[in-house]
Amino acid sequence: MKLLPTQTRVDTQDSLGLGIEAAVVMAMFFGLGYLFDRLLGTTPILMIVMSVLGAVGLFAKFKYRYEDRMAELEAERTGRSAASSTGRSGTDRSNVA
């Protein structure tokens, strides 16, 4: 009798995970900017700069992650396409002989 369920792998490419990651990173950069502003006495400047820096970093990370995933899928697709085309050409040659 199984008492504990089997563990499944968590998909890190799902929308909920990416959204939570973006919200946490933005809140962290906003909070650091606010903290530095309070310590240095420059009220909104560092908070704005850190928020923009966090947003640019997130967009760059999402862009590179997307490009890597698309390159991976494209390589998989061309591999399947090449495998299926060689399979068909091999059967055509056997019919000729």
N, C-alpha and C. Protein backbone atom coordinates (compact mmCIF):
# COMPACT_ATOMS: atom_id res chain seq x y z
N MET A 1 0.84 -1.18 0.00
CA MET A 1 0.00 0.00 0.00
C MET A 1 0.89 1.24 0.00
N LYS A 2 0.62 2.14 -0.94
CA LYS A 2 1.39 3.37 -1.03
C LYS A 2 0.75 4.45 -0.15
N LEU A 3 1.56 4.99 0.74
CA LEU A 3 1.06 6.06 1.59
C LEU A 3 1.38 7.44 1.02
N LEU A 4 2.51 7.55 0.35
CA LEU A 4 2.92 8.83 -0.20
C LEU A 4 2.75 8.81 -1.72
N PRO A 5 2.22 9.88 -2.28
CA PRO A 5 2.09 9.93 -3.74
C PRO A 5 3.46 10.07 -4.39
N THR A 6 3.55 9.61 -5.62
CA THR A 6 4.81 9.77 -6.34
C THR A 6 4.99 11.23 -6.71
N GLN A 7 6.23 11.69 -6.69
CA GLN A 7 6.50 13.08 -7.02
C GLN A 7 6.63 13.23 -8.53
N THR A 8 6.03 14.27 -9.04
CA THR A 8 6.15 14.57 -10.46
C THR A 8 7.03 15.79 -10.62
N ARG A 9 7.64 15.92 -11.78
CA ARG A 9 8.48 17.09 -12.04
C ARG A 9 7.61 18.32 -12.27
N VAL A 10 8.07 19.42 -11.77
CA VAL A 10 7.36 20.68 -11.93
C VAL A 10 7.83 21.32 -13.23
N ASP A 11 6.88 21.76 -14.05
CA ASP A 11 7.22 22.41 -15.31
C ASP A 11 7.55 23.87 -15.03
N THR A 12 8.80 24.26 -15.27
CA THR A 12 9.21 25.63 -14.98
C THR A 12 8.88 26.58 -16.12
N GLN A 13 8.30 26.11 -17.19
CA GLN A 13 7.95 26.96 -18.31
C GLN A 13 6.48 27.37 -18.30
N ASP A 14 5.75 27.07 -17.24
CA ASP A 14 4.34 27.41 -17.22
C ASP A 14 4.14 28.89 -16.92
N SER A 15 3.00 29.40 -17.28
CA SER A 15 2.71 30.84 -17.16
C SER A 15 2.64 31.30 -15.71
N LEU A 16 2.10 30.47 -14.84
CA LEU A 16 1.97 30.87 -13.44
C LEU A 16 3.35 31.04 -12.80
N GLY A 17 4.26 30.12 -13.06
CA GLY A 17 5.60 30.23 -12.50
C GLY A 17 6.35 31.45 -13.01
N LEU A 18 6.22 31.72 -14.30
CA LEU A 18 6.89 32.89 -14.87
C LEU A 18 6.29 34.19 -14.33
N GLY A 19 4.98 34.21 -14.14
CA GLY A 19 4.32 35.40 -13.60
C GLY A 19 4.72 35.68 -12.16
N ILE A 20 4.79 34.62 -11.36
CA ILE A 20 5.20 34.80 -9.96
C ILE A 20 6.66 35.24 -9.90
N GLU A 21 7.49 34.65 -10.76
CA GLU A 21 8.90 35.06 -10.80
C GLU A 21 9.01 36.54 -11.15
N ALA A 22 8.26 37.00 -12.12
CA ALA A 22 8.30 38.41 -12.52
C ALA A 22 7.83 39.31 -11.38
N ALA A 23 6.76 38.92 -10.70
CA ALA A 23 6.23 39.74 -9.61
C ALA A 23 7.22 39.82 -8.44
N VAL A 24 7.85 38.70 -8.12
CA VAL A 24 8.79 38.69 -7.00
C VAL A 24 10.03 39.52 -7.33
N VAL A 25 10.55 39.37 -8.54
CA VAL A 25 11.74 40.14 -8.92
C VAL A 25 11.43 41.63 -8.94
N MET A 26 10.29 42.01 -9.48
CA MET A 26 9.93 43.44 -9.51
C MET A 26 9.74 43.99 -8.10
N ALA A 27 9.09 43.22 -7.23
CA ALA A 27 8.90 43.68 -5.85
C ALA A 27 10.25 43.81 -5.14
N MET A 28 11.17 42.89 -5.41
CA MET A 28 12.48 42.94 -4.79
C MET A 28 13.26 44.18 -5.24
N PHE A 29 13.27 44.46 -6.55
CA PHE A 29 13.99 45.63 -7.04
C PHE A 29 13.33 46.93 -6.56
N PHE A 30 12.01 46.95 -6.53
CA PHE A 30 11.29 48.13 -6.03
C PHE A 30 11.63 48.36 -4.55
N GLY A 31 11.63 47.28 -3.78
CA GLY A 31 11.94 47.38 -2.36
C GLY A 31 13.37 47.81 -2.11
N LEU A 32 14.32 47.29 -2.88
CA LEU A 32 15.71 47.73 -2.74
C LEU A 32 15.86 49.21 -3.09
N GLY A 33 15.19 49.64 -4.14
CA GLY A 33 15.24 51.06 -4.50
C GLY A 33 14.66 51.94 -3.40
N TYR A 34 13.56 51.49 -2.81
CA TYR A 34 12.95 52.24 -1.71
C TYR A 34 13.89 52.30 -0.50
N LEU A 35 14.52 51.16 -0.21
CA LEU A 35 15.44 51.10 0.93
C LEU A 35 16.63 52.03 0.71
N PHE A 36 17.22 51.98 -0.48
CA PHE A 36 18.36 52.85 -0.77
C PHE A 36 17.95 54.33 -0.77
N ASP A 37 16.75 54.63 -1.25
CA ASP A 37 16.26 56.01 -1.21
C ASP A 37 16.13 56.50 0.23
N ARG A 38 15.62 55.66 1.11
CA ARG A 38 15.45 56.05 2.51
C ARG A 38 16.81 56.26 3.18
N LEU A 39 17.77 55.40 2.84
CA LEU A 39 19.09 55.52 3.46
C LEU A 39 19.85 56.74 2.96
N LEU A 40 19.73 57.04 1.67
CA LEU A 40 20.49 58.13 1.07
C LEU A 40 19.74 59.45 0.99
N GLY A 41 18.44 59.43 1.22
CA GLY A 41 17.64 60.66 1.19
C GLY A 41 17.26 61.12 -0.20
N THR A 42 17.37 60.29 -1.18
CA THR A 42 16.97 60.63 -2.56
C THR A 42 15.63 59.95 -2.81
N THR A 43 14.55 60.62 -2.49
CA THR A 43 13.26 59.96 -2.36
C THR A 43 12.82 59.11 -3.55
N PRO A 44 12.46 59.61 -4.72
CA PRO A 44 11.94 58.65 -5.70
C PRO A 44 12.96 58.16 -6.73
N ILE A 45 14.16 58.73 -6.74
CA ILE A 45 15.09 58.48 -7.85
C ILE A 45 15.53 57.02 -7.93
N LEU A 46 16.11 56.49 -6.88
CA LEU A 46 16.63 55.12 -6.91
C LEU A 46 15.51 54.09 -7.02
N MET A 47 14.36 54.39 -6.46
CA MET A 47 13.22 53.48 -6.57
C MET A 47 12.80 53.33 -8.03
N ILE A 48 12.78 54.42 -8.76
CA ILE A 48 12.43 54.38 -10.18
C ILE A 48 13.51 53.68 -10.98
N VAL A 49 14.77 54.02 -10.70
CA VAL A 49 15.89 53.42 -11.44
C VAL A 49 15.93 51.91 -11.21
N MET A 50 15.79 51.48 -9.98
CA MET A 50 15.83 50.04 -9.68
C MET A 50 14.63 49.31 -10.30
N SER A 51 13.46 49.94 -10.32
CA SER A 51 12.28 49.31 -10.94
C SER A 51 12.49 49.14 -12.44
N VAL A 52 13.02 50.17 -13.09
CA VAL A 52 13.29 50.07 -14.53
C VAL A 52 14.36 49.02 -14.80
N LEU A 53 15.40 48.99 -13.99
CA LEU A 53 16.46 48.01 -14.14
C LEU A 53 15.92 46.58 -13.97
N GLY A 54 15.06 46.38 -13.00
CA GLY A 54 14.45 45.06 -12.81
C GLY A 54 13.57 44.67 -13.98
N ALA A 55 12.80 45.61 -14.52
CA ALA A 55 11.93 45.31 -15.66
C ALA A 55 12.74 44.97 -16.90
N VAL A 56 13.79 45.73 -17.17
CA VAL A 56 14.63 45.46 -18.33
C VAL A 56 15.30 44.10 -18.19
N GLY A 57 15.77 43.79 -17.00
CA GLY A 57 16.39 42.48 -16.76
C GLY A 57 15.41 41.34 -16.97
N LEU A 58 14.19 41.51 -16.50
CA LEU A 58 13.17 40.47 -16.69
C LEU A 58 12.83 40.28 -18.16
N PHE A 59 12.65 41.37 -18.88
CA PHE A 59 12.33 41.25 -20.30
C PHE A 59 13.46 40.58 -21.07
N ALA A 60 14.70 40.92 -20.74
CA ALA A 60 15.84 40.29 -21.40
C ALA A 60 15.90 38.80 -21.08
N LYS A 61 15.67 38.45 -19.83
CA LYS A 61 15.68 37.04 -19.43
C LYS A 61 14.58 36.27 -20.16
N PHE A 62 13.38 36.82 -20.21
CA PHE A 62 12.28 36.14 -20.90
C PHE A 62 12.55 36.02 -22.39
N LYS A 63 13.16 37.04 -22.99
CA LYS A 63 13.47 37.01 -24.41
C LYS A 63 14.48 35.91 -24.72
N TYR A 64 15.57 35.86 -23.94
CA TYR A 64 16.58 34.83 -24.18
C TYR A 64 16.05 33.43 -23.90
N ARG A 65 15.21 33.28 -22.89
CA ARG A 65 14.61 31.98 -22.59
C ARG A 65 13.70 31.55 -23.74
N TYR A 66 12.94 32.50 -24.28
CA TYR A 66 12.06 32.21 -25.41
C TYR A 66 12.86 31.81 -26.64
N GLU A 67 13.92 32.55 -26.95
CA GLU A 67 14.74 32.23 -28.12
C GLU A 67 15.41 30.87 -27.99
N ASP A 68 15.88 30.52 -26.80
CA ASP A 68 16.48 29.20 -26.58
C ASP A 68 15.45 28.09 -26.78
N ARG A 69 14.26 28.30 -26.28
CA ARG A 69 13.20 27.29 -26.41
C ARG A 69 12.79 27.12 -27.87
N MET A 70 12.69 28.23 -28.60
CA MET A 70 12.32 28.15 -30.02
C MET A 70 13.41 27.46 -30.83
N ALA A 71 14.67 27.72 -30.52
CA ALA A 71 15.77 27.05 -31.22
C ALA A 71 15.75 25.55 -30.94
N GLU A 72 15.44 25.18 -29.71
CA GLU A 72 15.34 23.76 -29.33
C GLU A 72 14.21 23.07 -30.09
N LEU A 73 13.06 23.73 -30.15
CA LEU A 73 11.92 23.15 -30.86
C LEU A 73 12.17 23.09 -32.37
N GLU A 74 12.85 24.09 -32.92
CA GLU A 74 13.17 24.09 -34.34
C GLU A 74 14.13 22.94 -34.68
N ALA A 75 15.12 22.71 -33.82
CA ALA A 75 16.05 21.60 -34.05
C ALA A 75 15.32 20.27 -33.97
N GLU A 76 14.39 20.15 -33.04
CA GLU A 76 13.60 18.92 -32.92
C GLU A 76 12.74 18.72 -34.17
N ARG A 77 12.13 19.81 -34.65
CA ARG A 77 11.27 19.71 -35.83
C ARG A 77 12.07 19.33 -37.07
N THR A 78 13.23 19.95 -37.28
CA THR A 78 14.04 19.61 -38.45
C THR A 78 14.59 18.20 -38.35
N GLY A 79 14.87 17.73 -37.14
CA GLY A 79 15.32 16.35 -36.96
C GLY A 79 14.23 15.36 -37.34
N ARG A 80 13.01 15.64 -36.93
CA ARG A 80 11.89 14.76 -37.29
C ARG A 80 11.63 14.81 -38.78
N SER A 81 11.74 15.99 -39.37
CA SER A 81 11.49 16.15 -40.80
C SER A 81 12.54 15.40 -41.61
N ALA A 82 13.80 15.49 -41.20
CA ALA A 82 14.88 14.78 -41.91
C ALA A 82 14.72 13.27 -41.76
N ALA A 83 14.31 12.82 -40.59
CA ALA A 83 14.15 11.38 -40.36
C ALA A 83 12.99 10.83 -41.19
N SER A 84 11.92 11.59 -41.31
CA SER A 84 10.78 11.10 -42.08
C SER A 84 11.07 11.14 -43.58
N SER A 85 11.85 12.11 -44.03
CA SER A 85 12.16 12.18 -45.47
C SER A 85 13.13 11.08 -45.87
N THR A 86 14.06 10.71 -45.03
CA THR A 86 14.98 9.61 -45.37
C THR A 86 14.25 8.28 -45.32
N GLY A 87 13.28 8.16 -44.48
CA GLY A 87 12.49 6.93 -44.42
C GLY A 87 11.68 6.71 -45.69
N ARG A 88 11.13 7.77 -46.24
CA ARG A 88 10.34 7.65 -47.47
C ARG A 88 11.21 7.39 -48.67
N SER A 89 12.38 8.06 -48.73
CA SER A 89 13.23 7.88 -49.90
C SER A 89 13.79 6.46 -49.94
N GLY A 90 14.00 5.87 -48.77
CA GLY A 90 14.50 4.49 -48.73
C GLY A 90 13.48 3.51 -49.28
N THR A 91 12.20 3.72 -49.05
CA THR A 91 11.18 2.82 -49.56
C THR A 91 11.00 3.01 -51.06
N ASP A 92 11.21 4.25 -51.56
CA ASP A 92 11.07 4.48 -52.99
C ASP A 92 12.16 3.75 -53.78
N ARG A 93 13.36 3.71 -53.25
CA ARG A 93 14.45 3.02 -53.92
C ARG A 93 14.23 1.52 -53.98
N SER A 94 13.62 0.97 -52.97
CA SER A 94 13.41 -0.48 -52.96
C SER A 94 12.36 -0.88 -54.01
N ASN A 95 11.43 0.00 -54.30
CA ASN A 95 10.42 -0.31 -55.31
C ASN A 95 10.99 -0.29 -56.73
N VAL A 96 12.03 0.53 -56.97
CA VAL A 96 12.64 0.66 -58.28
C VAL A 96 13.43 -0.61 -58.63
N ALA A 97 14.13 -1.16 -57.69
CA ALA A 97 14.98 -2.32 -57.95
C ALA A 97 14.15 -3.54 -58.10
